[in-house]
Amino acid sequence: MNDYGVLTAPDTLHIERLLPGPIERVWQYLTDSDKRATWLAAGNVEQQIGGKVEHTFRNSELSPEHDIPPPKYSSCAGDVPMLGKVTACEPLRLLSYIWNAGSEVESEVSFELAPEQDQVKLTVTHRRLTNPDERLSVAGGWHTHLNILRDVLNGKTPPGFWKVHTQLEQEYAARLAG
């Protein structure tokens, strides 16, 4: 499985990871605030259609390196809140929600889980990414966050978020061009 995300439509990023199971464990890392905080963001997710999504990102704290964001992302230092609304929820299989609800870059993200032998295939699809700069940021962001999730589930210490994200964003600029 290739770790890189691909555009399946001009505004849709699709990225997959094989993760250690069981599926119930991976679902908890999507829905439980404390577990999600180890790889993405803390905050409540109401597991019902129309439910509130509250995320507080602390990307610099996802690794013991505590790296700081590059100048382009200086507004992402410290706590970065994000609100959303659940659009689909089928426990242990599918969770979708509006990302950045009410903002000019509102989009939708879906997490799909499927068993694959003794592992779990996580598919993240992020739709309505109409801004090219936002697409690059999201591609590098999901790639970095999902690598951290894989490290956490495997008991490994992840590298600093911003160091990895900066490199991946440059790679995605080349991969997604054209």
N, C-alpha and C. Protein backbone atom coordinates (compact mmCIF):
# COMPACT_ATOMS: atom_id res chain seq x y z
N MET A 1 0.84 -1.18 0.00
CA MET A 1 0.00 0.00 0.00
C MET A 1 0.89 1.24 0.00
N ASN A 2 0.58 2.15 -0.89
CA ASN A 2 1.32 3.41 -0.99
C ASN A 2 0.80 4.37 0.08
N ASP A 3 1.70 4.98 0.84
CA ASP A 3 1.29 5.90 1.90
C ASP A 3 0.76 7.23 1.37
N TYR A 4 1.08 7.58 0.12
CA TYR A 4 0.71 8.89 -0.39
C TYR A 4 -0.77 8.95 -0.77
N GLY A 5 -1.36 10.09 -0.48
CA GLY A 5 -2.72 10.35 -0.89
C GLY A 5 -2.77 10.67 -2.37
N VAL A 6 -3.94 10.46 -2.97
CA VAL A 6 -4.15 10.77 -4.38
C VAL A 6 -5.44 11.57 -4.52
N LEU A 7 -5.49 12.37 -5.56
CA LEU A 7 -6.73 13.08 -5.87
C LEU A 7 -7.60 12.14 -6.71
N THR A 8 -8.79 11.86 -6.20
CA THR A 8 -9.73 11.02 -6.95
C THR A 8 -10.71 11.89 -7.73
N ALA A 9 -10.71 13.17 -7.45
CA ALA A 9 -11.44 14.21 -8.18
C ALA A 9 -10.65 15.49 -7.92
N PRO A 10 -10.87 16.55 -8.68
CA PRO A 10 -10.08 17.77 -8.46
C PRO A 10 -10.15 18.32 -7.04
N ASP A 11 -11.22 18.01 -6.31
CA ASP A 11 -11.38 18.55 -4.96
C ASP A 11 -11.41 17.47 -3.87
N THR A 12 -10.94 16.24 -4.20
CA THR A 12 -11.08 15.11 -3.28
C THR A 12 -9.76 14.37 -3.10
N LEU A 13 -9.28 14.32 -1.85
CA LEU A 13 -8.07 13.58 -1.50
C LEU A 13 -8.47 12.25 -0.87
N HIS A 14 -7.79 11.19 -1.28
CA HIS A 14 -8.04 9.83 -0.80
C HIS A 14 -6.70 9.29 -0.29
N ILE A 15 -6.68 8.82 0.95
CA ILE A 15 -5.43 8.32 1.53
C ILE A 15 -5.76 7.12 2.42
N GLU A 16 -4.90 6.10 2.39
CA GLU A 16 -5.15 4.86 3.13
C GLU A 16 -3.97 4.49 4.01
N ARG A 17 -4.29 3.76 5.06
CA ARG A 17 -3.26 3.18 5.94
C ARG A 17 -3.72 1.82 6.41
N LEU A 18 -2.79 0.87 6.50
CA LEU A 18 -3.03 -0.40 7.18
C LEU A 18 -2.53 -0.22 8.61
N LEU A 19 -3.40 -0.52 9.56
CA LEU A 19 -3.10 -0.30 10.97
C LEU A 19 -3.29 -1.59 11.74
N PRO A 20 -2.56 -1.74 12.86
CA PRO A 20 -2.79 -2.92 13.68
C PRO A 20 -4.19 -2.85 14.31
N GLY A 21 -4.87 -3.99 14.30
CA GLY A 21 -6.23 -4.05 14.85
C GLY A 21 -6.22 -4.31 16.35
N PRO A 22 -7.38 -4.66 16.83
CA PRO A 22 -8.61 -4.92 16.10
C PRO A 22 -9.33 -3.63 15.71
N ILE A 23 -10.39 -3.77 14.93
CA ILE A 23 -11.12 -2.63 14.40
C ILE A 23 -11.70 -1.76 15.52
N GLU A 24 -12.11 -2.40 16.63
CA GLU A 24 -12.65 -1.65 17.77
C GLU A 24 -11.62 -0.68 18.33
N ARG A 25 -10.38 -1.10 18.36
CA ARG A 25 -9.29 -0.24 18.85
C ARG A 25 -9.09 0.97 17.94
N VAL A 26 -9.07 0.75 16.64
CA VAL A 26 -8.89 1.85 15.69
C VAL A 26 -10.07 2.81 15.79
N TRP A 27 -11.29 2.29 15.91
CA TRP A 27 -12.48 3.13 16.06
C TRP A 27 -12.34 4.05 17.28
N GLN A 28 -11.82 3.50 18.37
CA GLN A 28 -11.62 4.32 19.57
C GLN A 28 -10.66 5.47 19.30
N TYR A 29 -9.64 5.24 18.49
CA TYR A 29 -8.68 6.30 18.16
C TYR A 29 -9.29 7.36 17.23
N LEU A 30 -10.41 7.04 16.61
CA LEU A 30 -11.14 8.03 15.81
C LEU A 30 -12.14 8.81 16.66
N THR A 31 -12.69 8.18 17.69
CA THR A 31 -13.83 8.76 18.38
C THR A 31 -13.57 9.19 19.82
N ASP A 32 -12.60 8.64 20.49
CA ASP A 32 -12.31 8.99 21.89
C ASP A 32 -11.34 10.17 21.93
N SER A 33 -11.73 11.23 22.62
CA SER A 33 -10.93 12.46 22.64
C SER A 33 -9.49 12.23 23.09
N ASP A 34 -9.30 11.51 24.18
CA ASP A 34 -7.94 11.30 24.69
C ASP A 34 -7.08 10.50 23.72
N LYS A 35 -7.65 9.48 23.11
CA LYS A 35 -6.89 8.68 22.15
C LYS A 35 -6.63 9.47 20.87
N ARG A 36 -7.65 10.20 20.36
CA ARG A 36 -7.48 10.99 19.15
C ARG A 36 -6.44 12.09 19.37
N ALA A 37 -6.35 12.61 20.59
CA ALA A 37 -5.38 13.68 20.90
C ALA A 37 -3.94 13.21 20.71
N THR A 38 -3.70 11.90 20.72
CA THR A 38 -2.33 11.40 20.56
C THR A 38 -1.85 11.45 19.12
N TRP A 39 -2.79 11.64 18.17
CA TRP A 39 -2.38 11.63 16.76
C TRP A 39 -3.02 12.73 15.92
N LEU A 40 -4.13 13.31 16.37
CA LEU A 40 -4.82 14.31 15.55
C LEU A 40 -5.22 15.52 16.39
N ALA A 41 -6.29 15.38 17.18
CA ALA A 41 -6.82 16.51 17.94
C ALA A 41 -7.73 16.00 19.05
N ALA A 42 -7.71 16.68 20.18
CA ALA A 42 -8.62 16.37 21.27
C ALA A 42 -9.98 16.98 20.97
N GLY A 43 -11.00 16.53 21.67
CA GLY A 43 -12.33 17.13 21.55
C GLY A 43 -13.41 16.10 21.34
N ASN A 44 -14.62 16.52 21.64
CA ASN A 44 -15.77 15.64 21.58
C ASN A 44 -16.25 15.44 20.15
N VAL A 45 -16.67 14.21 19.85
CA VAL A 45 -17.35 13.88 18.60
C VAL A 45 -18.63 13.14 19.00
N GLU A 46 -19.77 13.77 18.76
CA GLU A 46 -21.05 13.13 19.05
C GLU A 46 -21.36 12.15 17.92
N GLN A 47 -21.41 10.87 18.25
CA GLN A 47 -21.53 9.82 17.25
C GLN A 47 -22.97 9.62 16.79
N GLN A 48 -23.51 10.64 16.15
CA GLN A 48 -24.84 10.57 15.56
C GLN A 48 -24.93 11.63 14.47
N ILE A 49 -25.74 11.39 13.47
CA ILE A 49 -25.89 12.37 12.39
C ILE A 49 -26.38 13.68 12.97
N GLY A 50 -25.70 14.76 12.61
CA GLY A 50 -26.01 16.08 13.15
C GLY A 50 -25.25 16.39 14.43
N GLY A 51 -24.53 15.40 14.96
CA GLY A 51 -23.77 15.60 16.20
C GLY A 51 -22.64 16.60 16.02
N LYS A 52 -22.29 17.26 17.13
CA LYS A 52 -21.21 18.25 17.12
C LYS A 52 -19.85 17.56 17.10
N VAL A 53 -18.92 18.19 16.40
CA VAL A 53 -17.52 17.80 16.38
C VAL A 53 -16.73 19.00 16.88
N GLU A 54 -15.92 18.76 17.91
CA GLU A 54 -15.04 19.80 18.45
C GLU A 54 -13.63 19.23 18.47
N HIS A 55 -12.74 19.89 17.77
CA HIS A 55 -11.33 19.48 17.77
C HIS A 55 -10.47 20.63 18.27
N THR A 56 -9.48 20.29 19.06
CA THR A 56 -8.43 21.23 19.42
C THR A 56 -7.11 20.59 19.01
N PHE A 57 -6.51 21.17 17.98
CA PHE A 57 -5.23 20.67 17.47
C PHE A 57 -4.09 21.25 18.29
N ARG A 58 -3.13 20.39 18.58
CA ARG A 58 -1.88 20.79 19.24
C ARG A 58 -0.75 20.03 18.52
N ASN A 59 -0.58 20.34 17.25
CA ASN A 59 0.34 19.57 16.41
C ASN A 59 1.76 19.54 16.94
N SER A 60 2.20 20.61 17.57
CA SER A 60 3.57 20.64 18.10
C SER A 60 3.77 19.66 19.24
N GLU A 61 2.69 19.19 19.85
CA GLU A 61 2.77 18.30 21.01
C GLU A 61 2.55 16.82 20.65
N LEU A 62 2.46 16.49 19.36
CA LEU A 62 2.19 15.11 18.96
C LEU A 62 3.44 14.23 19.03
N SER A 63 4.56 14.83 19.33
CA SER A 63 5.82 14.11 19.46
C SER A 63 6.61 14.74 20.60
N PRO A 64 7.47 13.98 21.25
CA PRO A 64 8.32 14.58 22.28
C PRO A 64 9.23 15.68 21.74
N GLU A 65 9.41 15.75 20.42
CA GLU A 65 10.26 16.78 19.82
C GLU A 65 9.70 18.19 20.01
N HIS A 66 8.38 18.30 20.16
CA HIS A 66 7.72 19.61 20.34
C HIS A 66 8.25 20.65 19.35
N ASP A 67 8.24 20.29 18.08
CA ASP A 67 8.75 21.24 17.08
C ASP A 67 7.72 22.36 16.86
N ILE A 68 8.20 23.46 16.32
CA ILE A 68 7.32 24.62 16.12
C ILE A 68 6.93 24.71 14.65
N PRO A 69 5.76 25.30 14.39
CA PRO A 69 5.33 25.41 12.99
C PRO A 69 6.21 26.37 12.21
N PRO A 70 6.35 26.12 10.91
CA PRO A 70 7.09 27.05 10.06
C PRO A 70 6.31 28.36 9.95
N PRO A 71 6.95 29.43 9.47
CA PRO A 71 6.27 30.73 9.40
C PRO A 71 4.90 30.69 8.70
N LYS A 72 4.80 29.90 7.64
CA LYS A 72 3.53 29.78 6.91
C LYS A 72 2.38 29.35 7.83
N TYR A 73 2.70 28.56 8.86
CA TYR A 73 1.69 28.04 9.78
C TYR A 73 1.85 28.61 11.19
N SER A 74 2.39 29.80 11.30
CA SER A 74 2.60 30.39 12.63
C SER A 74 1.29 30.52 13.41
N SER A 75 0.18 30.67 12.70
CA SER A 75 -1.12 30.76 13.39
C SER A 75 -1.54 29.42 13.99
N CYS A 76 -0.80 28.36 13.69
CA CYS A 76 -1.13 27.03 14.20
C CYS A 76 -0.30 26.66 15.43
N ALA A 77 0.43 27.61 15.98
CA ALA A 77 1.16 27.36 17.23
C ALA A 77 0.15 27.32 18.36
N GLY A 78 0.35 26.44 19.31
CA GLY A 78 -0.58 26.34 20.44
C GLY A 78 -1.87 25.64 20.07
N ASP A 79 -2.95 25.99 20.78
CA ASP A 79 -4.25 25.36 20.56
C ASP A 79 -4.93 25.96 19.33
N VAL A 80 -5.38 25.08 18.43
CA VAL A 80 -6.09 25.51 17.23
C VAL A 80 -7.44 24.80 17.22
N PRO A 81 -8.52 25.56 17.46
CA PRO A 81 -9.85 24.94 17.50
C PRO A 81 -10.45 24.76 16.11
N MET A 82 -11.28 23.74 15.98
CA MET A 82 -12.02 23.49 14.75
C MET A 82 -13.37 22.88 15.12
N LEU A 83 -14.42 23.33 14.46
CA LEU A 83 -15.75 22.79 14.71
C LEU A 83 -16.24 22.07 13.47
N GLY A 84 -17.14 21.10 13.70
CA GLY A 84 -17.73 20.38 12.60
C GLY A 84 -19.07 19.81 12.99
N LYS A 85 -19.65 19.05 12.05
CA LYS A 85 -20.93 18.41 12.29
C LYS A 85 -20.93 17.04 11.62
N VAL A 86 -21.35 16.01 12.36
CA VAL A 86 -21.35 14.64 11.86
C VAL A 86 -22.39 14.51 10.74
N THR A 87 -21.94 13.93 9.61
CA THR A 87 -22.83 13.71 8.47
C THR A 87 -23.15 12.24 8.27
N ALA A 88 -22.34 11.35 8.84
CA ALA A 88 -22.60 9.90 8.77
C ALA A 88 -21.86 9.23 9.92
N CYS A 89 -22.51 8.25 10.52
CA CYS A 89 -21.87 7.49 11.60
C CYS A 89 -22.43 6.09 11.63
N GLU A 90 -21.58 5.13 11.30
CA GLU A 90 -21.89 3.71 11.41
C GLU A 90 -20.76 3.11 12.23
N PRO A 91 -20.96 2.98 13.56
CA PRO A 91 -19.87 2.54 14.44
C PRO A 91 -19.10 1.34 13.88
N LEU A 92 -17.79 1.43 14.03
CA LEU A 92 -16.80 0.44 13.60
C LEU A 92 -16.65 0.36 12.08
N ARG A 93 -17.35 1.23 11.32
CA ARG A 93 -17.24 1.20 9.87
C ARG A 93 -17.04 2.56 9.22
N LEU A 94 -17.82 3.58 9.62
CA LEU A 94 -17.79 4.86 8.91
C LEU A 94 -18.08 6.01 9.86
N LEU A 95 -17.27 7.05 9.74
CA LEU A 95 -17.51 8.31 10.44
C LEU A 95 -17.18 9.43 9.45
N SER A 96 -18.15 10.31 9.21
CA SER A 96 -17.94 11.46 8.31
C SER A 96 -18.41 12.71 9.01
N TYR A 97 -17.69 13.81 8.77
CA TYR A 97 -18.15 15.08 9.32
C TYR A 97 -17.64 16.27 8.53
N ILE A 98 -18.39 17.38 8.71
CA ILE A 98 -17.98 18.65 8.12
C ILE A 98 -16.72 19.09 8.86
N TRP A 99 -15.76 19.53 8.12
CA TRP A 99 -14.46 19.98 8.63
C TRP A 99 -14.42 21.49 8.50
N ASN A 100 -14.02 22.19 9.56
CA ASN A 100 -13.99 23.66 9.55
C ASN A 100 -15.37 24.25 9.25
N ALA A 101 -16.39 23.72 9.93
CA ALA A 101 -17.77 24.16 9.69
C ALA A 101 -17.89 25.68 9.83
N GLY A 102 -18.57 26.27 8.85
CA GLY A 102 -18.83 27.70 8.89
C GLY A 102 -17.70 28.59 8.41
N SER A 103 -16.58 27.99 8.02
CA SER A 103 -15.43 28.79 7.56
C SER A 103 -15.43 28.87 6.03
N GLU A 104 -14.54 29.69 5.49
CA GLU A 104 -14.43 29.80 4.03
C GLU A 104 -13.80 28.56 3.41
N VAL A 105 -13.18 27.71 4.22
CA VAL A 105 -12.57 26.48 3.71
C VAL A 105 -13.29 25.23 4.26
N GLU A 106 -14.60 25.36 4.47
CA GLU A 106 -15.39 24.23 4.94
C GLU A 106 -15.28 23.08 3.94
N SER A 107 -15.12 21.86 4.47
CA SER A 107 -14.99 20.68 3.63
C SER A 107 -15.60 19.51 4.38
N GLU A 108 -15.42 18.30 3.88
CA GLU A 108 -15.96 17.12 4.56
C GLU A 108 -14.94 16.00 4.54
N VAL A 109 -14.78 15.33 5.69
CA VAL A 109 -13.84 14.22 5.80
C VAL A 109 -14.60 12.97 6.21
N SER A 110 -14.20 11.83 5.63
CA SER A 110 -14.78 10.54 5.96
C SER A 110 -13.67 9.57 6.34
N PHE A 111 -13.95 8.80 7.39
CA PHE A 111 -13.05 7.73 7.84
C PHE A 111 -13.79 6.42 7.67
N GLU A 112 -13.23 5.52 6.87
CA GLU A 112 -13.85 4.21 6.67
C GLU A 112 -12.89 3.14 7.17
N LEU A 113 -13.43 2.19 7.93
CA LEU A 113 -12.64 1.09 8.47
C LEU A 113 -13.10 -0.22 7.84
N ALA A 114 -12.13 -1.07 7.51
CA ALA A 114 -12.44 -2.40 6.99
C ALA A 114 -11.38 -3.37 7.47
N PRO A 115 -11.79 -4.57 7.92
CA PRO A 115 -10.79 -5.56 8.33
C PRO A 115 -9.99 -6.03 7.12
N GLU A 116 -8.71 -6.23 7.32
CA GLU A 116 -7.85 -6.76 6.27
C GLU A 116 -6.89 -7.73 6.95
N GLN A 117 -7.27 -9.01 6.95
CA GLN A 117 -6.59 -10.06 7.70
C GLN A 117 -6.53 -9.65 9.17
N ASP A 118 -5.34 -9.56 9.77
CA ASP A 118 -5.27 -9.19 11.19
C ASP A 118 -5.06 -7.68 11.38
N GLN A 119 -5.23 -6.94 10.31
CA GLN A 119 -5.06 -5.49 10.37
C GLN A 119 -6.37 -4.78 10.02
N VAL A 120 -6.31 -3.46 10.07
CA VAL A 120 -7.47 -2.65 9.74
C VAL A 120 -7.06 -1.66 8.65
N LYS A 121 -7.83 -1.63 7.58
CA LYS A 121 -7.59 -0.64 6.53
C LYS A 121 -8.41 0.60 6.87
N LEU A 122 -7.72 1.71 7.07
CA LEU A 122 -8.36 3.00 7.30
C LEU A 122 -8.25 3.80 6.01
N THR A 123 -9.40 4.21 5.50
CA THR A 123 -9.45 5.05 4.31
C THR A 123 -9.99 6.41 4.72
N VAL A 124 -9.21 7.45 4.46
CA VAL A 124 -9.63 8.82 4.73
C VAL A 124 -9.89 9.48 3.38
N THR A 125 -11.09 10.03 3.23
CA THR A 125 -11.46 10.76 2.02
C THR A 125 -11.85 12.17 2.45
N HIS A 126 -11.15 13.15 1.94
CA HIS A 126 -11.42 14.55 2.29
C HIS A 126 -11.92 15.24 1.03
N ARG A 127 -13.19 15.68 1.07
CA ARG A 127 -13.87 16.25 -0.09
C ARG A 127 -14.05 17.76 0.05
N ARG A 128 -14.34 18.39 -1.08
CA ARG A 128 -14.64 19.82 -1.16
C ARG A 128 -13.42 20.67 -0.82
N LEU A 129 -12.27 20.22 -1.27
CA LEU A 129 -11.01 20.96 -1.11
C LEU A 129 -10.80 21.79 -2.38
N THR A 130 -11.47 22.92 -2.46
CA THR A 130 -11.47 23.70 -3.70
C THR A 130 -10.27 24.63 -3.83
N ASN A 131 -9.62 24.95 -2.73
CA ASN A 131 -8.47 25.86 -2.74
C ASN A 131 -7.19 25.04 -2.89
N PRO A 132 -6.36 25.31 -3.92
CA PRO A 132 -5.14 24.52 -4.13
C PRO A 132 -4.18 24.53 -2.94
N ASP A 133 -4.02 25.68 -2.28
CA ASP A 133 -3.13 25.73 -1.10
C ASP A 133 -3.69 24.87 0.03
N GLU A 134 -4.99 24.91 0.22
CA GLU A 134 -5.64 24.10 1.24
C GLU A 134 -5.47 22.61 0.93
N ARG A 135 -5.58 22.24 -0.35
CA ARG A 135 -5.39 20.84 -0.76
C ARG A 135 -4.00 20.35 -0.37
N LEU A 136 -2.97 21.18 -0.61
CA LEU A 136 -1.60 20.79 -0.26
C LEU A 136 -1.44 20.64 1.25
N SER A 137 -1.97 21.59 1.99
CA SER A 137 -1.89 21.54 3.44
C SER A 137 -2.60 20.30 3.99
N VAL A 138 -3.78 20.02 3.46
CA VAL A 138 -4.56 18.86 3.91
C VAL A 138 -3.85 17.56 3.54
N ALA A 139 -3.31 17.47 2.34
CA ALA A 139 -2.60 16.25 1.92
C ALA A 139 -1.41 15.98 2.84
N GLY A 140 -0.58 17.00 3.03
CA GLY A 140 0.56 16.83 3.94
C GLY A 140 0.11 16.57 5.36
N GLY A 141 -0.98 17.22 5.77
CA GLY A 141 -1.49 17.04 7.13
C GLY A 141 -2.00 15.63 7.38
N TRP A 142 -2.86 15.13 6.50
CA TRP A 142 -3.37 13.77 6.70
C TRP A 142 -2.25 12.75 6.65
N HIS A 143 -1.34 12.90 5.71
CA HIS A 143 -0.23 11.96 5.60
C HIS A 143 0.55 11.93 6.92
N THR A 144 0.85 13.11 7.47
CA THR A 144 1.61 13.20 8.71
C THR A 144 0.81 12.65 9.88
N HIS A 145 -0.44 13.07 10.01
CA HIS A 145 -1.28 12.59 11.13
C HIS A 145 -1.47 11.08 11.08
N LEU A 146 -1.69 10.52 9.89
CA LEU A 146 -1.90 9.08 9.79
C LEU A 146 -0.63 8.30 10.08
N ASN A 147 0.52 8.86 9.71
CA ASN A 147 1.78 8.21 10.10
C ASN A 147 1.93 8.20 11.62
N ILE A 148 1.54 9.30 12.26
CA ILE A 148 1.61 9.37 13.72
C ILE A 148 0.66 8.34 14.33
N LEU A 149 -0.55 8.22 13.80
CA LEU A 149 -1.49 7.21 14.29
C LEU A 149 -0.89 5.82 14.18
N ARG A 150 -0.30 5.51 13.04
CA ARG A 150 0.32 4.19 12.85
C ARG A 150 1.43 3.98 13.88
N ASP A 151 2.27 5.01 14.09
CA ASP A 151 3.32 4.90 15.11
C ASP A 151 2.74 4.66 16.50
N VAL A 152 1.73 5.43 16.86
CA VAL A 152 1.11 5.29 18.19
C VAL A 152 0.55 3.88 18.36
N LEU A 153 -0.17 3.38 17.37
CA LEU A 153 -0.76 2.05 17.46
C LEU A 153 0.30 0.96 17.50
N ASN A 154 1.47 1.23 16.94
CA ASN A 154 2.57 0.26 16.97
C ASN A 154 3.52 0.47 18.15
N GLY A 155 3.19 1.42 19.04
CA GLY A 155 4.03 1.67 20.21
C GLY A 155 5.33 2.37 19.90
N LYS A 156 5.39 3.10 18.79
CA LYS A 156 6.61 3.83 18.41
C LYS A 156 6.46 5.32 18.71
N THR A 157 7.57 5.99 18.89
CA THR A 157 7.57 7.44 19.09
C THR A 157 7.63 8.13 17.74
N PRO A 158 6.62 8.95 17.42
CA PRO A 158 6.63 9.62 16.11
C PRO A 158 7.59 10.79 16.08
N PRO A 159 8.09 11.12 14.88
CA PRO A 159 8.91 12.33 14.73
C PRO A 159 8.04 13.57 14.85
N GLY A 160 8.66 14.74 14.93
CA GLY A 160 7.95 16.00 15.05
C GLY A 160 7.01 16.25 13.88
N PHE A 161 5.78 16.67 14.19
CA PHE A 161 4.76 16.89 13.17
C PHE A 161 5.21 17.89 12.11
N TRP A 162 5.66 19.06 12.55
CA TRP A 162 5.93 20.14 11.58
C TRP A 162 7.10 19.83 10.67
N LYS A 163 8.11 19.15 11.20
CA LYS A 163 9.26 18.77 10.38
C LYS A 163 8.79 17.85 9.24
N VAL A 164 7.98 16.85 9.59
CA VAL A 164 7.50 15.90 8.58
C VAL A 164 6.51 16.58 7.64
N HIS A 165 5.58 17.34 8.19
CA HIS A 165 4.56 18.01 7.36
C HIS A 165 5.20 18.93 6.33
N THR A 166 6.21 19.69 6.72
CA THR A 166 6.87 20.62 5.80
C THR A 166 7.46 19.86 4.62
N GLN A 167 8.13 18.75 4.89
CA GLN A 167 8.72 17.94 3.81
C GLN A 167 7.63 17.35 2.92
N LEU A 168 6.57 16.80 3.55
CA LEU A 168 5.51 16.17 2.77
C LEU A 168 4.73 17.18 1.93
N GLU A 169 4.52 18.37 2.46
CA GLU A 169 3.80 19.38 1.71
C GLU A 169 4.56 19.72 0.42
N GLN A 170 5.89 19.77 0.50
CA GLN A 170 6.70 20.02 -0.69
C GLN A 170 6.57 18.86 -1.69
N GLU A 171 6.57 17.63 -1.17
CA GLU A 171 6.41 16.47 -2.03
C GLU A 171 5.04 16.47 -2.71
N TYR A 172 4.00 16.81 -1.95
CA TYR A 172 2.66 16.87 -2.53
C TYR A 172 2.52 17.97 -3.55
N ALA A 173 3.25 19.06 -3.40
CA ALA A 173 3.21 20.14 -4.38
C ALA A 173 3.62 19.59 -5.77
N ALA A 174 4.62 18.71 -5.77
CA ALA A 174 5.05 18.08 -7.03
C ALA A 174 4.07 16.98 -7.46
N ARG A 175 3.61 16.16 -6.52
CA ARG A 175 2.75 15.02 -6.84
C ARG A 175 1.37 15.45 -7.36
N LEU A 176 0.83 16.52 -6.79
CA LEU A 176 -0.53 16.92 -7.12
C LEU A 176 -0.59 18.00 -8.21
N ALA A 177 0.58 18.44 -8.66
CA ALA A 177 0.62 19.46 -9.73
C ALA A 177 0.12 18.86 -11.03
N GLY A 178 -0.47 19.71 -11.83
CA GLY A 178 -0.86 19.29 -13.16
C GLY A 178 -2.22 18.71 -13.16
